[in-house]
N, C-alpha and C. Protein backbone atom coordinates (compact mmCIF):
# COMPACT_ATOMS: atom_id res chain seq x y z
N MET A 1 4.48 27.31 25.72
CA MET A 1 3.53 26.53 25.70
C MET A 1 3.49 25.65 24.35
N GLU A 2 3.32 24.10 24.31
CA GLU A 2 3.63 23.23 23.40
C GLU A 2 2.05 23.46 22.27
N THR A 3 2.45 23.41 21.17
CA THR A 3 1.28 23.33 20.15
C THR A 3 0.62 21.95 20.44
N THR A 4 -0.61 22.06 20.30
CA THR A 4 -1.69 20.93 20.60
C THR A 4 -2.04 20.24 19.00
N THR A 5 -2.27 19.03 19.09
CA THR A 5 -2.66 18.50 17.91
C THR A 5 -4.02 18.09 17.71
N MET A 6 -4.36 17.84 16.61
CA MET A 6 -5.71 17.94 16.37
C MET A 6 -5.93 16.59 14.96
N THR A 7 -7.06 15.60 15.29
CA THR A 7 -7.07 14.58 14.31
C THR A 7 -7.95 15.16 13.37
N THR A 8 -8.73 16.10 13.40
CA THR A 8 -9.66 16.79 12.44
C THR A 8 -9.43 18.12 12.05
N MET A 9 -9.81 18.69 10.92
CA MET A 9 -9.65 20.08 10.67
C MET A 9 -10.41 20.91 11.46
N PRO A 10 -10.39 21.85 11.91
CA PRO A 10 -11.29 23.03 13.01
C PRO A 10 -12.33 23.29 11.65
N ARG A 11 -13.35 23.44 12.46
CA ARG A 11 -14.76 23.72 11.72
C ARG A 11 -15.69 25.10 12.46
N ILE A 12 -16.60 25.42 11.47
CA ILE A 12 -17.17 26.54 12.10
C ILE A 12 -17.81 26.13 13.35
N GLY A 13 -17.81 26.99 14.34
CA GLY A 13 -18.25 26.79 15.72
C GLY A 13 -17.26 26.04 16.73
N ASP A 14 -16.20 25.65 16.15
CA ASP A 14 -15.15 25.30 16.90
C ASP A 14 -14.36 26.08 17.58
N LEU A 15 -13.81 26.04 18.69
CA LEU A 15 -12.58 26.96 19.38
C LEU A 15 -11.41 26.95 18.64
N ALA A 16 -11.05 27.88 18.31
CA ALA A 16 -9.74 27.85 17.35
C ALA A 16 -8.63 27.10 18.22
N PRO A 17 -7.76 26.29 17.65
CA PRO A 17 -6.83 25.66 18.37
C PRO A 17 -5.91 26.69 18.88
N ASP A 18 -5.32 26.59 19.99
CA ASP A 18 -4.20 27.50 20.42
C ASP A 18 -3.03 27.01 20.01
N PHE A 19 -1.89 27.99 19.83
CA PHE A 19 -0.79 27.46 19.74
C PHE A 19 0.22 28.80 19.98
N SER A 20 1.34 28.45 20.35
CA SER A 20 2.78 29.45 20.41
C SER A 20 3.54 29.08 19.06
N ALA A 21 3.98 30.45 18.83
CA ALA A 21 5.01 30.42 17.65
C ALA A 21 5.86 31.72 17.71
N VAL A 22 6.96 31.58 16.73
CA VAL A 22 7.69 32.62 16.41
C VAL A 22 6.99 33.65 15.16
N THR A 23 6.84 34.65 15.28
CA THR A 23 6.20 35.71 14.34
C THR A 23 7.23 36.72 14.03
N THR A 24 6.91 37.54 12.89
CA THR A 24 7.83 38.63 12.38
C THR A 24 7.61 39.81 13.42
N THR A 25 6.82 39.67 14.50
CA THR A 25 6.51 40.75 15.37
C THR A 25 7.06 40.21 16.87
N GLY A 26 7.64 39.10 16.73
CA GLY A 26 8.11 38.33 18.07
C GLY A 26 7.28 37.22 18.55
N PRO A 27 7.76 36.64 19.49
CA PRO A 27 7.00 35.35 20.00
C PRO A 27 5.48 35.57 20.31
N MET A 28 4.45 34.58 19.97
CA MET A 28 3.23 34.73 20.26
C MET A 28 2.44 33.53 20.64
N THR A 29 1.59 33.93 21.48
CA THR A 29 0.58 32.68 21.88
C THR A 29 -0.91 33.10 21.35
N PHE A 30 -1.35 32.60 20.45
CA PHE A 30 -2.46 32.90 19.74
C PHE A 30 -3.82 33.25 20.83
N SER A 31 -3.90 32.37 21.52
CA SER A 31 -5.14 32.89 22.62
C SER A 31 -4.83 34.23 23.24
N GLU A 32 -3.60 34.70 23.45
CA GLU A 32 -3.48 35.98 23.96
C GLU A 32 -3.70 37.01 22.93
N TYR A 33 -3.21 36.65 21.87
CA TYR A 33 -3.34 37.55 20.60
C TYR A 33 -4.89 37.96 20.50
N ASN A 34 -5.56 36.70 20.44
CA ASN A 34 -7.02 36.91 20.33
C ASN A 34 -7.98 37.36 20.98
N LYS A 35 -7.58 37.70 22.44
CA LYS A 35 -8.33 37.96 23.44
C LYS A 35 -8.92 39.46 23.41
N GLY A 36 -10.15 39.53 23.36
CA GLY A 36 -10.95 40.58 23.30
C GLY A 36 -10.90 41.21 21.90
N SER A 37 -10.52 40.39 20.93
CA SER A 37 -10.82 41.00 19.56
C SER A 37 -10.84 40.04 18.48
N TRP A 38 -11.66 40.47 17.36
CA TRP A 38 -11.67 39.34 16.27
C TRP A 38 -10.26 39.02 15.84
N VAL A 39 -9.99 38.18 14.98
CA VAL A 39 -8.73 37.56 14.34
C VAL A 39 -9.22 37.38 13.08
N ILE A 40 -8.46 37.83 11.77
CA ILE A 40 -8.42 36.99 10.65
C ILE A 40 -7.31 36.18 10.40
N PHE A 41 -7.26 35.17 10.54
CA PHE A 41 -5.95 34.37 10.45
C PHE A 41 -5.77 33.74 9.03
N PHE A 42 -5.00 34.03 7.99
CA PHE A 42 -4.78 33.56 6.69
C PHE A 42 -3.43 32.99 6.65
N SER A 43 -3.43 31.83 5.74
CA SER A 43 -2.22 31.45 5.32
C SER A 43 -1.75 31.83 3.83
N HIS A 44 -0.49 31.59 3.42
CA HIS A 44 -0.17 31.83 1.99
C HIS A 44 0.70 30.69 1.72
N PRO A 45 0.88 30.35 0.37
CA PRO A 45 1.68 29.25 0.07
C PRO A 45 3.17 29.39 0.17
N ALA A 46 3.88 30.71 -0.06
CA ALA A 46 5.13 30.87 0.18
C ALA A 46 5.89 32.44 -0.15
N ASP A 47 6.63 32.66 0.78
CA ASP A 47 6.93 34.32 0.64
C ASP A 47 7.76 34.21 -0.64
N PHE A 48 8.00 35.43 -1.24
CA PHE A 48 8.51 35.79 -2.59
C PHE A 48 7.60 35.10 -3.80
N THR A 49 6.46 35.41 -3.72
CA THR A 49 5.54 34.66 -4.87
C THR A 49 4.67 35.69 -4.97
N PRO A 50 4.15 35.76 -6.41
CA PRO A 50 3.87 36.80 -6.91
C PRO A 50 2.03 37.02 -6.25
N VAL A 51 1.41 36.23 -6.59
CA VAL A 51 -0.07 36.14 -5.83
C VAL A 51 -0.02 36.61 -4.51
N CYS A 52 0.70 35.93 -3.64
CA CYS A 52 0.92 35.97 -2.18
C CYS A 52 1.43 37.54 -2.01
N THR A 53 2.26 38.05 -2.61
CA THR A 53 2.45 39.38 -2.66
C THR A 53 1.40 40.36 -2.81
N THR A 54 0.61 39.99 -3.48
CA THR A 54 -0.66 40.97 -3.95
C THR A 54 -1.54 40.90 -2.70
N GLU A 55 -1.94 39.68 -2.18
CA GLU A 55 -2.58 39.31 -1.02
C GLU A 55 -1.97 40.19 0.18
N MET A 56 -0.76 39.60 0.59
CA MET A 56 -0.49 40.24 1.80
C MET A 56 -0.47 41.91 1.60
N SER A 57 0.04 42.34 0.52
CA SER A 57 0.01 43.97 0.48
C SER A 57 -1.54 44.50 0.68
N GLY A 58 -2.64 43.65 -0.06
CA GLY A 58 -3.80 44.13 0.22
C GLY A 58 -4.10 44.21 1.87
N PHE A 59 -3.83 42.96 2.47
CA PHE A 59 -4.41 43.04 4.15
C PHE A 59 -3.61 44.18 4.70
N ALA A 60 -2.41 44.47 4.31
CA ALA A 60 -1.62 45.63 4.85
C ALA A 60 -2.22 47.01 4.54
N GLN A 61 -2.57 47.20 3.32
CA GLN A 61 -3.06 48.47 2.80
C GLN A 61 -4.55 48.63 3.57
N ASP A 62 -5.49 47.63 4.10
CA ASP A 62 -6.69 47.57 4.73
C ASP A 62 -6.58 47.71 5.90
N SER A 63 -5.12 47.45 6.56
CA SER A 63 -4.93 47.38 7.85
C SER A 63 -5.82 48.16 9.25
N ASP A 64 -6.11 49.63 8.55
CA ASP A 64 -6.76 50.59 9.32
C ASP A 64 -8.36 49.96 9.17
N PHE A 65 -8.84 49.69 8.08
CA PHE A 65 -10.46 49.23 8.34
C PHE A 65 -10.40 48.33 9.26
N PHE A 66 -9.43 47.04 9.28
CA PHE A 66 -9.48 46.06 10.16
C PHE A 66 -9.55 46.36 11.57
N GLY A 67 -8.56 47.47 11.73
CA GLY A 67 -8.33 47.93 13.20
C GLY A 67 -9.44 48.54 13.85
N GLN A 68 -10.11 49.55 12.73
CA GLN A 68 -11.40 50.14 13.17
C GLN A 68 -12.37 49.19 13.32
N HIS A 69 -12.46 47.97 13.04
CA HIS A 69 -13.63 47.02 13.56
C HIS A 69 -13.01 45.92 14.52
N ASN A 70 -12.13 46.39 15.43
CA ASN A 70 -11.69 45.51 16.36
C ASN A 70 -11.21 44.08 15.78
N THR A 71 -10.25 44.05 14.82
CA THR A 71 -9.86 42.97 14.19
C THR A 71 -8.55 43.20 14.14
N LYS A 72 -7.68 41.93 14.33
CA LYS A 72 -6.24 41.77 14.23
C LYS A 72 -5.94 40.72 13.10
N LEU A 73 -4.96 41.10 12.36
CA LEU A 73 -4.59 40.09 11.22
C LEU A 73 -3.55 39.30 11.66
N LEU A 74 -3.34 38.19 11.13
CA LEU A 74 -2.12 37.34 11.44
C LEU A 74 -1.95 36.34 9.87
N GLY A 75 -0.79 36.60 9.86
CA GLY A 75 -0.60 35.63 8.49
C GLY A 75 0.19 34.54 8.81
N LEU A 76 0.32 33.37 7.74
CA LEU A 76 1.46 32.24 8.07
C LEU A 76 1.86 31.79 6.89
N SER A 77 3.14 31.25 6.52
CA SER A 77 3.23 30.27 5.54
C SER A 77 4.50 29.44 6.03
N ILE A 78 4.90 28.31 5.30
CA ILE A 78 5.73 27.38 5.76
C ILE A 78 7.16 27.87 5.27
N ASP A 79 7.46 28.91 5.64
CA ASP A 79 8.75 29.41 5.74
C ASP A 79 9.46 29.94 6.92
N SER A 80 10.52 30.10 6.93
CA SER A 80 11.55 30.49 8.17
C SER A 80 11.18 31.95 8.54
N ILE A 81 11.81 32.42 9.56
CA ILE A 81 11.44 33.70 10.00
C ILE A 81 12.45 34.89 9.24
N HIS A 82 13.48 34.14 8.83
CA HIS A 82 14.55 35.01 8.27
C HIS A 82 13.66 35.29 6.82
N SER A 83 13.29 34.41 6.34
CA SER A 83 12.62 34.59 4.85
C SER A 83 11.32 35.47 4.84
N HIS A 84 10.57 35.41 5.89
CA HIS A 84 9.66 36.25 6.21
C HIS A 84 10.05 37.67 6.25
N ILE A 85 11.41 37.86 7.34
CA ILE A 85 11.59 39.17 7.42
C ILE A 85 12.19 39.85 5.94
N ALA A 86 12.91 39.12 5.32
CA ALA A 86 13.61 39.44 4.14
C ALA A 86 12.40 39.84 3.19
N TRP A 87 11.37 39.22 3.03
CA TRP A 87 10.20 39.37 2.06
C TRP A 87 9.50 40.84 2.48
N VAL A 88 9.14 40.62 3.74
CA VAL A 88 8.55 42.09 4.27
C VAL A 88 9.58 43.25 3.95
N ASN A 89 10.83 43.27 4.24
CA ASN A 89 11.71 44.22 3.88
C ASN A 89 11.75 44.57 2.46
N ALA A 90 11.71 43.40 1.56
CA ALA A 90 12.06 43.70 0.27
C ALA A 90 10.44 44.43 -0.43
N VAL A 91 9.42 44.05 -0.18
CA VAL A 91 8.24 44.52 -0.60
C VAL A 91 8.26 46.11 0.20
N HIS A 92 8.50 46.26 1.27
CA HIS A 92 8.35 47.62 1.73
C HIS A 92 9.23 48.37 0.88
N GLU A 93 10.39 47.93 0.35
CA GLU A 93 11.66 48.68 -0.13
C GLU A 93 10.90 48.83 -1.65
N LYS A 94 10.28 47.96 -2.15
CA LYS A 94 9.80 48.30 -3.57
C LYS A 94 8.85 48.83 -3.93
N THR A 95 7.68 48.79 -3.04
CA THR A 95 6.11 49.53 -3.17
C THR A 95 5.93 50.37 -1.92
N GLY A 96 6.55 50.37 -0.97
CA GLY A 96 6.33 51.29 0.03
C GLY A 96 5.32 50.65 1.19
N VAL A 97 4.62 49.33 0.81
CA VAL A 97 3.71 48.93 1.67
C VAL A 97 4.64 47.83 2.65
N LEU A 98 4.04 48.19 3.93
CA LEU A 98 4.87 47.31 5.03
C LEU A 98 3.79 46.53 5.74
N PHE A 99 4.15 44.73 5.79
CA PHE A 99 3.30 44.11 6.17
C PHE A 99 3.65 44.29 7.77
N GLY A 100 2.74 45.11 8.53
CA GLY A 100 3.13 45.24 9.76
C GLY A 100 2.40 44.34 10.76
N PHE A 101 1.50 43.62 10.52
CA PHE A 101 0.96 42.29 11.14
C PHE A 101 1.78 41.31 11.70
N PRO A 102 1.60 40.43 12.51
CA PRO A 102 2.57 39.18 12.65
C PRO A 102 2.49 38.26 11.48
N ILE A 103 3.47 37.55 11.09
CA ILE A 103 3.54 36.49 10.12
C ILE A 103 4.08 35.18 10.66
N VAL A 104 3.46 34.30 11.11
CA VAL A 104 3.74 32.95 11.55
C VAL A 104 5.02 32.29 10.93
N ALA A 105 6.06 32.14 11.50
CA ALA A 105 7.14 30.95 10.77
C ALA A 105 6.65 29.76 11.21
N ASP A 106 6.35 28.97 10.12
CA ASP A 106 5.88 27.62 10.31
C ASP A 106 6.61 26.66 9.58
N LEU A 107 7.98 26.56 9.80
CA LEU A 107 8.90 25.64 9.12
C LEU A 107 8.48 24.28 9.17
N ASP A 108 8.12 23.73 10.60
CA ASP A 108 7.90 22.37 10.92
C ASP A 108 6.31 21.96 10.74
N MET A 109 5.59 23.16 9.93
CA MET A 109 4.16 22.63 9.52
C MET A 109 3.19 22.51 10.64
N LYS A 110 3.78 22.68 12.15
CA LYS A 110 2.57 22.26 13.08
C LYS A 110 1.38 23.00 13.17
N VAL A 111 1.59 24.57 12.69
CA VAL A 111 0.01 25.16 12.84
C VAL A 111 -0.52 25.05 11.65
N SER A 112 0.19 24.94 10.40
CA SER A 112 -0.61 24.75 9.24
C SER A 112 -1.46 23.38 9.38
N LYS A 113 -1.01 22.39 9.90
CA LYS A 113 -1.73 20.97 10.08
C LYS A 113 -2.80 21.29 10.89
N LEU A 114 -2.47 22.04 12.11
CA LEU A 114 -3.61 22.13 13.20
C LEU A 114 -4.61 22.84 12.72
N TYR A 115 -4.61 23.72 11.62
CA TYR A 115 -5.70 24.63 11.21
C TYR A 115 -6.19 23.88 9.64
N GLY A 116 -5.89 22.93 9.12
CA GLY A 116 -6.16 22.33 8.11
C GLY A 116 -5.50 23.14 6.95
N MET A 117 -4.47 23.79 7.08
CA MET A 117 -4.19 24.73 5.93
C MET A 117 -3.04 23.94 4.83
N LEU A 118 -2.60 22.73 5.22
CA LEU A 118 -1.94 22.00 4.62
C LEU A 118 -2.58 20.72 4.01
N GLN A 119 -2.85 20.90 2.58
CA GLN A 119 -3.81 19.86 2.13
C GLN A 119 -3.31 19.18 0.97
N PRO A 120 -2.74 18.03 1.08
CA PRO A 120 -1.85 17.06 0.46
C PRO A 120 -2.28 17.06 -1.26
N GLY A 121 -3.57 17.04 -1.32
CA GLY A 121 -4.04 17.11 -2.86
C GLY A 121 -3.87 18.36 -3.80
N GLU A 122 -3.60 19.26 -2.85
CA GLU A 122 -3.10 20.63 -3.58
C GLU A 122 -1.67 20.80 -3.36
N SER A 123 -1.13 20.76 -2.26
CA SER A 123 0.38 20.66 -2.02
C SER A 123 0.77 19.67 -0.77
N GLU A 124 1.80 19.22 -0.58
CA GLU A 124 2.36 18.67 0.47
C GLU A 124 3.42 19.52 1.48
N THR A 125 3.71 20.77 0.65
CA THR A 125 4.78 21.70 1.42
C THR A 125 4.62 22.92 1.41
N ALA A 126 3.34 23.24 0.76
CA ALA A 126 2.73 24.81 1.00
C ALA A 126 1.44 24.77 1.34
N ALA A 127 1.20 25.72 2.30
CA ALA A 127 -0.19 25.99 2.75
C ALA A 127 -1.34 26.60 1.72
N VAL A 128 -2.40 26.08 1.50
CA VAL A 128 -3.39 26.69 0.77
C VAL A 128 -3.65 28.17 0.98
N ARG A 129 -4.58 28.97 0.50
CA ARG A 129 -5.05 30.00 0.76
C ARG A 129 -6.11 30.06 1.81
N ALA A 130 -6.07 29.67 3.17
CA ALA A 130 -7.17 29.75 4.01
C ALA A 130 -7.32 30.88 4.67
N VAL A 131 -8.44 31.50 5.04
CA VAL A 131 -8.96 32.26 5.75
C VAL A 131 -9.84 32.00 7.07
N PHE A 132 -9.25 32.10 8.11
CA PHE A 132 -10.32 31.81 9.31
C PHE A 132 -10.69 33.10 10.15
N PHE A 133 -11.97 33.38 10.21
CA PHE A 133 -12.62 34.64 11.01
C PHE A 133 -12.84 34.09 12.46
N ILE A 134 -12.02 34.56 13.53
CA ILE A 134 -12.24 34.18 14.72
C ILE A 134 -12.71 35.09 15.52
N ASP A 135 -13.80 34.70 16.72
CA ASP A 135 -14.40 35.95 17.08
C ASP A 135 -13.40 36.27 18.41
N PRO A 136 -13.98 37.37 19.33
CA PRO A 136 -13.42 37.62 20.60
C PRO A 136 -13.09 36.83 21.51
N VAL A 137 -14.22 35.64 21.44
CA VAL A 137 -14.06 34.54 22.63
C VAL A 137 -13.52 33.34 22.21
N GLY A 138 -12.85 33.62 20.65
CA GLY A 138 -11.93 32.26 20.30
C GLY A 138 -12.71 31.30 19.64
N LYS A 139 -14.03 31.59 19.15
CA LYS A 139 -14.83 30.62 18.31
C LYS A 139 -14.59 30.95 16.67
N ILE A 140 -14.14 29.89 16.04
CA ILE A 140 -14.26 30.01 14.33
C ILE A 140 -15.65 30.30 14.18
N ARG A 141 -15.76 31.24 13.05
CA ARG A 141 -16.94 31.74 12.78
C ARG A 141 -17.27 31.53 11.10
N LEU A 142 -16.42 31.56 10.45
CA LEU A 142 -16.19 31.65 9.05
C LEU A 142 -14.99 31.07 8.51
N ILE A 143 -14.88 30.13 7.51
CA ILE A 143 -13.59 29.55 6.91
C ILE A 143 -14.05 29.75 5.49
N MET A 144 -12.86 30.43 4.85
CA MET A 144 -12.71 30.40 3.41
C MET A 144 -11.43 29.71 3.17
N TYR A 145 -11.70 28.93 1.97
CA TYR A 145 -10.15 28.23 1.29
C TYR A 145 -10.13 28.53 -0.16
N TYR A 146 -9.28 28.81 -0.79
CA TYR A 146 -8.81 29.06 -1.92
C TYR A 146 -7.55 27.95 -2.44
N PRO A 147 -7.30 27.59 -3.78
CA PRO A 147 -6.38 27.07 -4.16
C PRO A 147 -5.22 27.99 -4.28
N LEU A 148 -4.00 27.33 -4.65
CA LEU A 148 -2.83 28.09 -4.62
C LEU A 148 -2.82 29.12 -5.97
N ASN A 149 -3.51 28.88 -6.90
CA ASN A 149 -3.35 29.86 -8.15
C ASN A 149 -4.63 30.62 -8.20
N VAL A 150 -5.37 30.80 -7.24
CA VAL A 150 -6.47 31.88 -7.06
C VAL A 150 -6.67 32.64 -5.93
N GLY A 151 -6.32 33.97 -6.16
CA GLY A 151 -6.12 34.95 -5.33
C GLY A 151 -7.77 35.38 -4.45
N ARG A 152 -7.41 35.82 -3.19
CA ARG A 152 -8.50 36.11 -2.59
C ARG A 152 -9.28 37.35 -3.17
N ASN A 153 -10.52 37.43 -2.67
CA ASN A 153 -11.22 38.57 -2.62
C ASN A 153 -11.18 39.37 -1.34
N MET A 154 -10.52 40.65 -1.26
CA MET A 154 -10.40 41.38 -0.03
C MET A 154 -11.75 42.01 0.40
N GLU A 155 -12.35 42.54 -0.68
CA GLU A 155 -14.11 43.11 -0.77
C GLU A 155 -14.68 42.07 0.17
N GLU A 156 -14.64 41.14 -0.44
CA GLU A 156 -15.66 39.74 0.30
C GLU A 156 -15.25 39.54 1.80
N ILE A 157 -13.97 39.41 1.99
CA ILE A 157 -13.37 39.26 3.37
C ILE A 157 -13.81 40.53 4.29
N LYS A 158 -13.82 41.77 3.94
CA LYS A 158 -14.31 42.85 4.78
C LYS A 158 -15.82 42.81 4.83
N ARG A 159 -16.47 42.26 3.70
CA ARG A 159 -17.91 42.20 3.69
C ARG A 159 -18.17 41.20 4.75
N ALA A 160 -17.69 39.92 4.55
CA ALA A 160 -18.23 38.94 5.43
C ALA A 160 -17.71 39.36 7.03
N LEU A 161 -16.82 40.02 7.32
CA LEU A 161 -16.55 40.51 8.86
C LEU A 161 -17.57 41.27 9.33
N LEU A 162 -18.00 42.21 8.34
CA LEU A 162 -19.01 43.31 8.77
C LEU A 162 -20.48 42.36 8.90
N ALA A 163 -20.77 41.40 8.28
CA ALA A 163 -21.92 40.72 8.37
C ALA A 163 -21.81 40.03 9.58
N LEU A 164 -20.83 39.28 9.88
CA LEU A 164 -20.63 38.59 11.20
C LEU A 164 -20.70 39.37 12.55
N GLN A 165 -20.30 40.59 12.39
CA GLN A 165 -20.33 41.72 13.56
C GLN A 165 -21.59 41.99 13.47
N THR A 166 -22.26 42.37 12.35
CA THR A 166 -23.96 42.97 12.56
C THR A 166 -24.69 42.11 12.82
N SER A 167 -24.40 40.99 12.58
CA SER A 167 -25.60 39.78 13.04
C SER A 167 -25.24 39.62 14.49
N ASP A 168 -23.92 39.57 15.09
CA ASP A 168 -24.04 39.46 16.63
C ASP A 168 -24.51 40.44 17.34
N GLU A 169 -24.46 41.78 16.73
CA GLU A 169 -24.93 42.88 17.51
C GLU A 169 -26.25 43.10 17.63
N HIS A 170 -26.60 42.65 16.45
CA HIS A 170 -28.32 43.00 16.27
C HIS A 170 -29.28 41.71 16.23
N GLN A 171 -28.38 40.54 16.39
CA GLN A 171 -29.22 39.16 16.27
C GLN A 171 -30.05 38.83 15.26
N VAL A 172 -29.42 39.23 13.99
CA VAL A 172 -30.22 39.00 12.74
C VAL A 172 -29.58 38.39 11.82
N ALA A 173 -29.87 37.95 10.53
CA ALA A 173 -29.02 37.38 9.56
C ALA A 173 -29.06 38.36 8.43
N THR A 174 -27.98 37.96 7.63
CA THR A 174 -27.74 38.88 6.43
C THR A 174 -28.09 38.11 5.29
N PRO A 175 -28.84 38.93 4.14
CA PRO A 175 -29.29 38.15 2.87
C PRO A 175 -28.25 37.98 1.99
N LEU A 176 -28.32 37.21 0.89
CA LEU A 176 -27.39 37.30 -0.33
C LEU A 176 -27.13 38.76 -0.79
N ASN A 177 -25.78 38.78 -1.11
CA ASN A 177 -25.07 40.16 -1.48
C ASN A 177 -25.13 41.15 -0.65
N TRP A 178 -25.50 40.95 0.83
CA TRP A 178 -25.90 41.85 1.61
C TRP A 178 -24.45 42.90 1.83
N GLN A 179 -24.61 44.23 2.08
CA GLN A 179 -23.67 45.19 2.03
C GLN A 179 -24.26 45.91 3.19
N PRO A 180 -23.21 46.78 4.07
CA PRO A 180 -23.61 47.51 5.25
C PRO A 180 -24.62 48.74 4.86
N GLY A 181 -25.75 48.90 5.47
CA GLY A 181 -26.76 49.76 5.11
C GLY A 181 -28.02 49.06 4.41
N ASP A 182 -27.78 47.81 3.88
CA ASP A 182 -28.96 47.21 3.31
C ASP A 182 -29.74 46.52 4.51
N LYS A 183 -30.94 46.02 4.22
CA LYS A 183 -31.98 45.25 4.96
C LYS A 183 -31.37 44.24 5.38
N VAL A 184 -31.60 43.45 6.73
CA VAL A 184 -31.24 42.40 7.35
C VAL A 184 -32.39 41.78 7.60
N ILE A 185 -32.41 40.29 7.65
CA ILE A 185 -33.32 39.26 7.83
C ILE A 185 -33.71 39.15 9.29
N ILE A 186 -34.85 39.02 9.75
CA ILE A 186 -35.33 39.02 10.95
C ILE A 186 -35.69 37.56 11.20
N GLY A 187 -35.33 36.80 12.29
CA GLY A 187 -35.84 35.40 12.27
C GLY A 187 -37.15 34.79 12.35
N ALA A 188 -37.50 33.96 11.74
CA ALA A 188 -38.76 33.40 11.47
C ALA A 188 -39.43 33.33 12.97
N PRO A 189 -40.89 33.63 13.08
CA PRO A 189 -41.51 33.48 14.21
C PRO A 189 -41.66 31.84 14.60
N LYS A 190 -41.91 31.52 15.63
CA LYS A 190 -41.97 30.18 16.45
C LYS A 190 -43.05 29.79 16.89
N THR A 191 -43.91 30.91 16.99
CA THR A 191 -45.46 30.70 17.57
C THR A 191 -46.20 31.26 16.92
N LEU A 192 -47.53 31.03 16.94
CA LEU A 192 -48.86 31.68 16.29
C LEU A 192 -48.82 33.17 16.79
N GLU A 193 -48.55 33.32 18.23
CA GLU A 193 -48.44 34.75 18.64
C GLU A 193 -47.59 35.29 18.02
N ALA A 194 -46.43 34.84 17.92
CA ALA A 194 -45.22 35.77 17.27
C ALA A 194 -45.65 36.03 15.81
N LEU A 195 -46.14 35.29 15.22
CA LEU A 195 -46.64 35.44 13.64
C LEU A 195 -47.51 36.38 13.64
N ALA A 196 -48.53 36.74 14.71
CA ALA A 196 -49.53 37.50 14.39
C ALA A 196 -48.92 38.91 14.81
N ALA A 197 -47.99 38.85 15.46
CA ALA A 197 -47.30 40.19 15.90
C ALA A 197 -46.25 40.64 14.89
N ARG A 198 -45.96 39.85 14.14
CA ARG A 198 -45.10 39.94 12.79
C ARG A 198 -45.93 40.52 11.88
N LYS A 199 -47.17 39.99 11.57
CA LYS A 199 -48.16 40.43 10.60
C LYS A 199 -48.68 41.81 10.74
N ALA A 200 -48.78 42.62 12.29
CA ALA A 200 -49.10 43.67 12.47
C ALA A 200 -47.85 44.57 12.47
N SER A 201 -46.32 43.98 12.20
CA SER A 201 -45.42 45.00 12.47
C SER A 201 -45.14 45.78 11.19
N ASP A 202 -44.40 46.55 11.18
CA ASP A 202 -43.89 47.40 9.72
C ASP A 202 -42.86 46.83 9.23
N LEU A 203 -42.50 45.45 9.28
CA LEU A 203 -41.59 44.69 8.69
C LEU A 203 -41.85 44.74 7.04
N GLU A 204 -40.64 44.54 6.33
CA GLU A 204 -40.95 44.21 4.92
C GLU A 204 -41.31 42.72 4.85
N MET A 205 -42.50 42.28 4.70
CA MET A 205 -43.05 40.89 4.89
C MET A 205 -42.69 40.43 3.28
N VAL A 206 -42.10 39.45 2.92
CA VAL A 206 -41.95 38.68 1.67
C VAL A 206 -42.87 37.34 1.84
N ASP A 207 -42.75 36.98 2.87
CA ASP A 207 -43.52 35.80 3.39
C ASP A 207 -43.29 35.95 4.82
N TRP A 208 -44.44 34.89 5.48
CA TRP A 208 -44.37 34.89 7.00
C TRP A 208 -43.15 34.55 7.35
N TYR A 209 -42.43 33.61 6.84
CA TYR A 209 -41.00 33.43 7.31
C TYR A 209 -40.06 34.21 6.96
N LEU A 210 -39.99 35.10 5.99
CA LEU A 210 -38.93 35.98 5.49
C LEU A 210 -39.52 37.33 5.59
N ALA A 211 -38.74 38.15 6.53
CA ALA A 211 -39.07 39.31 6.87
C ALA A 211 -37.72 40.31 6.89
N LYS A 212 -37.79 41.43 6.55
CA LYS A 212 -36.55 42.29 6.49
C LYS A 212 -36.79 43.82 7.19
N LYS A 213 -35.65 44.25 7.61
CA LYS A 213 -35.96 45.66 8.07
C LYS A 213 -34.37 46.25 7.83
N LEU A 214 -34.46 47.66 8.02
CA LEU A 214 -33.16 48.52 8.15
C LEU A 214 -32.93 48.48 9.57
N LEU A 215 -31.61 48.58 9.55
CA LEU A 215 -31.32 48.64 11.24
C LEU A 215 -31.23 50.09 11.48
């Protein structure tokens, strides 16, 4: 399958661009990999670099968490498959941490450009630290971008995933700093009848438009 091209960067709510690529676990077509599960697709600037090593190790060490929440991991950098394999092997030998998830080899930069991971103002040859949260129907639900010199926050990535999944499952929103087990926000009433029902409910009412509850 040929990689398609886009004239604009993908946005929240767009379908994730499909592509086929060589990865550290073998050839992959993204739409097949994504089918039926969430995917966290993240780019790193280069193999054998210190910040990237800490980040990829973090994803690998939390792989059980992501698996328990129906989420696959997918990495990418503008390096060859041989560089990827050598880096995975070196980190495993030195630290015992194995990057078992696929890492896309994107030497021609096609996938990086497709997802807006290559941003010339930061670098013309290295992908920025992008994170795409893609749901089981292939829709982009959240995007994070970090510059080359700032590592990601793994706890925030995990929190954001759980917030998205909780919101989908219960049709609610999550407030500032929400953590699993915290109260969630119920959508504002759109009719006077719904407002009256809300006032008679046992929801925590901050105001008529802002109500919370425990799940």
